[in-house]
Amino acid sequence: MDEARDKQIIQREIEAHRAMPGALLPILHAIQDALGWIPPQATPALAQALNRSRAEVHGVISFYHHFRTTPPGRHVVQVCRAESCQAMGGAALEAHAQAALGTAFGETTADGAITLEAVYCLGNCACSPAVRVDDDIVGRVSSARFDEIVATLRGEQVSA
């Protein structure tokens, strides 16, 4: 991690969005989009720039599950936990994903390849259960299909 680069990006996003009404959330989204997470030095910078307390900024970051406070793996895999996905085998997929990766939700694999996250609707209910792999949504994901996705992300050969 390059703290100087992160600081520059944080300042750039603050300056780009600070005049907006309700600027905190757009700035946090922009920082996470640029860096993949919200580094600790963002909290005091945002508090000062937006005339908020550090506690207020931290409260917003910690309230929303979307914001990461640790760097993600090279790939982020989100498993939908909404009702439709649950009804179509989502609980089994969740258990398989955690076992296959050796991580719980919110953790990154030991090799740094994959961060596993829970989400609560991907809007792909007709094709449940669904996962998002980086920015791509994949539907009708079975345990076998999940294993293929992971193998592809790791650059492994997937047998037909």
C-alpha atoms as a PDB file:
ATOM      1  CA  MET A   1       0.000   0.000   0.000  1.00  0.00           C
ATOM      2  CA  ASP A   2       1.214   3.447  -0.881  1.00  0.00           C
ATOM      3  CA  GLU A   3       0.035   5.841   1.831  1.00  0.00           C
ATOM      4  CA  ALA A   4       1.151   8.955  -0.066  1.00  0.00           C
ATOM      5  CA  ARG A   5      -0.806   7.869  -3.144  1.00  0.00           C
ATOM      6  CA  ASP A   6      -3.833   7.004  -1.002  1.00  0.00           C
ATOM      7  CA  LYS A   7      -3.672  10.430   0.661  1.00  0.00           C
ATOM      8  CA  GLN A   8      -3.583  12.146  -2.746  1.00  0.00           C
ATOM      9  CA  ILE A   9      -6.595  10.158  -3.940  1.00  0.00           C
ATOM     10  CA  ILE A  10      -8.509  10.924  -0.750  1.00  0.00           C
ATOM     11  CA  GLN A  11      -7.794  14.653  -1.151  1.00  0.00           C
ATOM     12  CA  ARG A  12      -8.728  14.539  -4.846  1.00  0.00           C
ATOM     13  CA  GLU A  13     -12.098  12.956  -4.082  1.00  0.00           C
ATOM     14  CA  ILE A  14     -12.774  15.354  -1.215  1.00  0.00           C
ATOM     15  CA  GLU A  15     -12.111  18.336  -3.478  1.00  0.00           C
ATOM     16  CA  ALA A  16     -14.189  16.881  -6.304  1.00  0.00           C
ATOM     17  CA  HIS A  17     -17.269  16.254  -4.135  1.00  0.00           C
ATOM     18  CA  ARG A  18     -17.134  18.452  -1.024  1.00  0.00           C
ATOM     19  CA  ALA A  19     -19.495  21.110  -2.396  1.00  0.00           C
ATOM     20  CA  MET A  20     -22.264  18.578  -2.970  1.00  0.00           C
ATOM     21  CA  PRO A  21     -25.151  18.471  -0.504  1.00  0.00           C
ATOM     22  CA  GLY A  22     -24.620  15.375   1.653  1.00  0.00           C
ATOM     23  CA  ALA A  23     -21.069  15.041   0.345  1.00  0.00           C
ATOM     24  CA  LEU A  24     -19.891  12.378   2.801  1.00  0.00           C
ATOM     25  CA  LEU A  25     -21.427   9.357   1.072  1.00  0.00           C
ATOM     26  CA  PRO A  26     -20.411  10.376  -2.470  1.00  0.00           C
ATOM     27  CA  ILE A  27     -16.857  10.990  -1.262  1.00  0.00           C
ATOM     28  CA  LEU A  28     -16.719   7.628   0.529  1.00  0.00           C
ATOM     29  CA  HIS A  29     -18.003   5.854  -2.588  1.00  0.00           C
ATOM     30  CA  ALA A  30     -15.447   7.660  -4.758  1.00  0.00           C
ATOM     31  CA  ILE A  31     -12.596   6.769  -2.406  1.00  0.00           C
ATOM     32  CA  GLN A  32     -13.614   3.122  -2.297  1.00  0.00           C
ATOM     33  CA  ASP A  33     -14.069   3.030  -6.068  1.00  0.00           C
ATOM     34  CA  ALA A  34     -10.551   4.414  -6.506  1.00  0.00           C
ATOM     35  CA  LEU A  35      -8.759   2.428  -3.794  1.00  0.00           C
ATOM     36  CA  GLY A  36     -10.985  -0.603  -3.175  1.00  0.00           C
ATOM     37  CA  TRP A  37     -11.376   0.359   0.500  1.00  0.00           C
ATOM     38  CA  ILE A  38     -11.528   3.285   2.910  1.00  0.00           C
ATOM     39  CA  PRO A  39      -8.069   3.716   4.475  1.00  0.00           C
ATOM     40  CA  PRO A  40      -7.831   4.942   8.089  1.00  0.00           C
ATOM     41  CA  GLN A  41      -6.366   8.300   7.042  1.00  0.00           C
ATOM     42  CA  ALA A  42      -9.624   9.099   5.223  1.00  0.00           C
ATOM     43  CA  THR A  43     -11.531   9.551   8.493  1.00  0.00           C
ATOM     44  CA  PRO A  44      -9.653  12.593   9.853  1.00  0.00           C
ATOM     45  CA  ALA A  45      -9.341  14.135   6.385  1.00  0.00           C
ATOM     46  CA  LEU A  46     -13.091  13.841   5.793  1.00  0.00           C
ATOM     47  CA  ALA A  47     -13.941  15.082   9.274  1.00  0.00           C
ATOM     48  CA  GLN A  48     -11.855  18.199   8.795  1.00  0.00           C
ATOM     49  CA  ALA A  49     -12.997  18.892   5.223  1.00  0.00           C
ATOM     50  CA  LEU A  50     -16.697  18.452   5.994  1.00  0.00           C
ATOM     51  CA  ASN A  51     -16.673  19.984   9.486  1.00  0.00           C
ATOM     52  CA  ARG A  52     -17.754  16.699  11.078  1.00  0.00           C
ATOM     53  CA  SER A  53     -16.376  14.797  14.015  1.00  0.00           C
ATOM     54  CA  ARG A  54     -14.209  11.751  13.389  1.00  0.00           C
ATOM     55  CA  ALA A  55     -16.853   9.744  15.239  1.00  0.00           C
ATOM     56  CA  GLU A  56     -19.535  10.839  12.752  1.00  0.00           C
ATOM     57  CA  VAL A  57     -17.389   9.869   9.773  1.00  0.00           C
ATOM     58  CA  HIS A  58     -16.415   6.555  11.360  1.00  0.00           C
ATOM     59  CA  GLY A  59     -20.076   5.908  12.209  1.00  0.00           C
ATOM     60  CA  VAL A  60     -21.084   6.242   8.566  1.00  0.00           C
ATOM     61  CA  ILE A  61     -18.229   4.038   7.358  1.00  0.00           C
ATOM     62  CA  SER A  62     -18.994   1.321   9.892  1.00  0.00           C
ATOM     63  CA  PHE A  63     -22.786   1.495   9.431  1.00  0.00           C
ATOM     64  CA  TYR A  64     -22.814   0.637   5.724  1.00  0.00           C
ATOM     65  CA  HIS A  65     -21.732  -2.911   4.884  1.00  0.00           C
ATOM     66  CA  HIS A  66     -20.640  -1.731   1.448  1.00  0.00           C
ATOM     67  CA  PHE A  67     -17.630   0.147   2.797  1.00  0.00           C
ATOM     68  CA  ARG A  68     -14.471  -1.871   3.408  1.00  0.00           C
ATOM     69  CA  THR A  69     -11.960  -0.832   6.039  1.00  0.00           C
ATOM     70  CA  THR A  70      -9.338  -3.344   4.930  1.00  0.00           C
ATOM     71  CA  PRO A  71      -7.924  -3.799   1.437  1.00  0.00           C
ATOM     72  CA  PRO A  72      -9.823  -6.412  -0.591  1.00  0.00           C
ATOM     73  CA  GLY A  73      -8.284  -9.324  -2.422  1.00  0.00           C
ATOM     74  CA  ARG A  74      -7.536  -9.136  -6.117  1.00  0.00           C
ATOM     75  CA  HIS A  75     -11.128 -10.230  -6.732  1.00  0.00           C
ATOM     76  CA  VAL A  76     -14.299  -9.657  -4.731  1.00  0.00           C
ATOM     77  CA  VAL A  77     -16.988 -12.344  -4.742  1.00  0.00           C
ATOM     78  CA  GLN A  78     -20.323 -11.363  -3.230  1.00  0.00           C
ATOM     79  CA  VAL A  79     -22.930 -14.004  -2.454  1.00  0.00           C
ATOM     80  CA  CYS A  80     -26.541 -12.826  -2.397  1.00  0.00           C
ATOM     81  CA  ARG A  81     -28.339 -13.594   0.854  1.00  0.00           C
ATOM     82  CA  ALA A  82     -31.759 -12.157  -0.085  1.00  0.00           C
ATOM     83  CA  GLU A  83     -34.944 -14.176   0.210  1.00  0.00           C
ATOM     84  CA  SER A  84     -35.157 -15.317  -3.413  1.00  0.00           C
ATOM     85  CA  CYS A  85     -31.620 -16.635  -3.387  1.00  0.00           C
ATOM     86  CA  GLN A  86     -32.210 -18.305  -0.021  1.00  0.00           C
ATOM     87  CA  ALA A  87     -35.307 -20.024  -1.424  1.00  0.00           C
ATOM     88  CA  MET A  88     -33.270 -21.382  -4.330  1.00  0.00           C
ATOM     89  CA  GLY A  89     -30.397 -22.887  -2.335  1.00  0.00           C
ATOM     90  CA  GLY A  90     -28.490 -19.805  -1.269  1.00  0.00           C
ATOM     91  CA  ALA A  91     -27.748 -21.098   2.234  1.00  0.00           C
ATOM     92  CA  ALA A  92     -26.020 -24.159   0.792  1.00  0.00           C
ATOM     93  CA  LEU A  93     -24.089 -21.938  -1.620  1.00  0.00           C
ATOM     94  CA  GLU A  94     -22.999 -19.664   1.250  1.00  0.00           C
ATOM     95  CA  ALA A  95     -21.737 -22.637   3.247  1.00  0.00           C
ATOM     96  CA  HIS A  96     -19.946 -24.062   0.216  1.00  0.00           C
ATOM     97  CA  ALA A  97     -18.336 -20.719  -0.661  1.00  0.00           C
ATOM     98  CA  GLN A  98     -16.985 -20.250   2.853  1.00  0.00           C
ATOM     99  CA  ALA A  99     -15.708 -23.820   3.050  1.00  0.00           C
ATOM    100  CA  ALA A 100     -14.195 -23.774  -0.450  1.00  0.00           C
ATOM    101  CA  LEU A 101     -12.374 -20.503   0.178  1.00  0.00           C
ATOM    102  CA  GLY A 102     -11.539 -21.192   3.816  1.00  0.00           C
ATOM    103  CA  THR A 103     -12.918 -17.776   4.799  1.00  0.00           C
ATOM    104  CA  ALA A 104     -15.949 -16.247   6.416  1.00  0.00           C
ATOM    105  CA  PHE A 105     -17.853 -13.349   4.911  1.00  0.00           C
ATOM    106  CA  GLY A 106     -15.771 -10.195   5.086  1.00  0.00           C
ATOM    107  CA  GLU A 107     -12.475 -12.057   4.872  1.00  0.00           C
ATOM    108  CA  THR A 108      -9.855 -12.543   2.189  1.00  0.00           C
ATOM    109  CA  THR A 109      -8.260 -15.844   1.236  1.00  0.00           C
ATOM    110  CA  ALA A 110      -4.756 -16.476   2.558  1.00  0.00           C
ATOM    111  CA  ASP A 111      -3.293 -16.047  -0.935  1.00  0.00           C
ATOM    112  CA  GLY A 112      -4.928 -12.607  -1.278  1.00  0.00           C
ATOM    113  CA  ALA A 113      -6.845 -13.696  -4.355  1.00  0.00           C
ATOM    114  CA  ILE A 114     -10.477 -13.454  -3.234  1.00  0.00           C
ATOM    115  CA  THR A 115     -12.468 -11.445  -0.724  1.00  0.00           C
ATOM    116  CA  LEU A 116     -15.808 -13.058   0.130  1.00  0.00           C
ATOM    117  CA  GLU A 117     -18.701 -10.746   0.976  1.00  0.00           C
ATOM    118  CA  ALA A 118     -22.398 -11.097   1.698  1.00  0.00           C
ATOM    119  CA  VAL A 119     -24.878  -8.835  -0.101  1.00  0.00           C
ATOM    120  CA  TYR A 120     -28.595  -8.564   0.354  1.00  0.00           C
ATOM    121  CA  CYS A 121     -29.909  -8.346  -3.184  1.00  0.00           C
ATOM    122  CA  LEU A 122     -28.242  -8.264  -6.547  1.00  0.00           C
ATOM    123  CA  GLY A 123     -31.502  -7.744  -8.429  1.00  0.00           C
ATOM    124  CA  ASN A 124     -31.122 -11.058 -10.216  1.00  0.00           C
ATOM    125  CA  CYS A 125     -33.932 -12.880  -8.426  1.00  0.00           C
ATOM    126  CA  ALA A 126     -35.158 -14.734 -11.519  1.00  0.00           C
ATOM    127  CA  CYS A 127     -31.769 -16.451 -11.701  1.00  0.00           C
ATOM    128  CA  SER A 128     -31.223 -17.286  -8.038  1.00  0.00           C
ATOM    129  CA  PRO A 129     -28.916 -18.003  -6.362  1.00  0.00           C
ATOM    130  CA  ALA A 130     -26.711 -15.210  -7.624  1.00  0.00           C
ATOM    131  CA  VAL A 131     -23.211 -13.934  -6.993  1.00  0.00           C
ATOM    132  CA  ARG A 132     -21.328 -10.853  -8.140  1.00  0.00           C
ATOM    133  CA  VAL A 133     -17.764 -11.471  -9.232  1.00  0.00           C
ATOM    134  CA  ASP A 134     -15.994  -8.133  -9.248  1.00  0.00           C
ATOM    135  CA  ASP A 135     -18.496  -6.176 -11.365  1.00  0.00           C
ATOM    136  CA  ASP A 136     -20.222  -9.095 -13.099  1.00  0.00           C
ATOM    137  CA  ILE A 137     -23.402 -10.743 -11.826  1.00  0.00           C
ATOM    138  CA  VAL A 138     -23.687 -14.498 -12.333  1.00  0.00           C
ATOM    139  CA  GLY A 139     -26.972 -16.334 -11.859  1.00  0.00           C
ATOM    140  CA  ARG A 140     -28.009 -19.905 -11.075  1.00  0.00           C
ATOM    141  CA  VAL A 141     -24.764 -20.557  -9.239  1.00  0.00           C
ATOM    142  CA  SER A 142     -24.392 -24.098  -7.934  1.00  0.00           C
ATOM    143  CA  SER A 143     -21.511 -25.293  -5.796  1.00  0.00           C
ATOM    144  CA  ALA A 144     -19.833 -26.708  -8.908  1.00  0.00           C
ATOM    145  CA  ARG A 145     -20.293 -23.428 -10.790  1.00  0.00           C
ATOM    146  CA  PHE A 146     -18.878 -21.532  -7.802  1.00  0.00           C
ATOM    147  CA  ASP A 147     -15.777 -23.749  -7.890  1.00  0.00           C
ATOM    148  CA  GLU A 148     -15.367 -23.031 -11.621  1.00  0.00           C
ATOM    149  CA  ILE A 149     -15.615 -19.292 -10.978  1.00  0.00           C
ATOM    150  CA  VAL A 150     -12.970 -19.476  -8.253  1.00  0.00           C
ATOM    151  CA  ALA A 151     -10.663 -21.574 -10.427  1.00  0.00           C
ATOM    152  CA  THR A 152     -10.985 -19.035 -13.238  1.00  0.00           C
ATOM    153  CA  LEU A 153     -10.223 -16.148 -10.872  1.00  0.00           C
ATOM    154  CA  ARG A 154      -7.110 -17.939  -9.706  1.00  0.00           C
ATOM    155  CA  GLY A 155      -6.042 -18.629 -13.279  1.00  0.00           C
ATOM    156  CA  GLU A 156      -6.492 -22.356 -12.966  1.00  0.00           C
ATOM    157  CA  GLN A 157      -7.532 -24.553 -15.842  1.00  0.00           C
ATOM    158  CA  VAL A 158     -11.257 -25.386 -15.683  1.00  0.00           C
ATOM    159  CA  SER A 159     -12.192 -28.809 -17.041  1.00  0.00           C
ATOM    160  CA  ALA A 160     -15.231 -28.985 -19.316  1.00  0.00           C
END
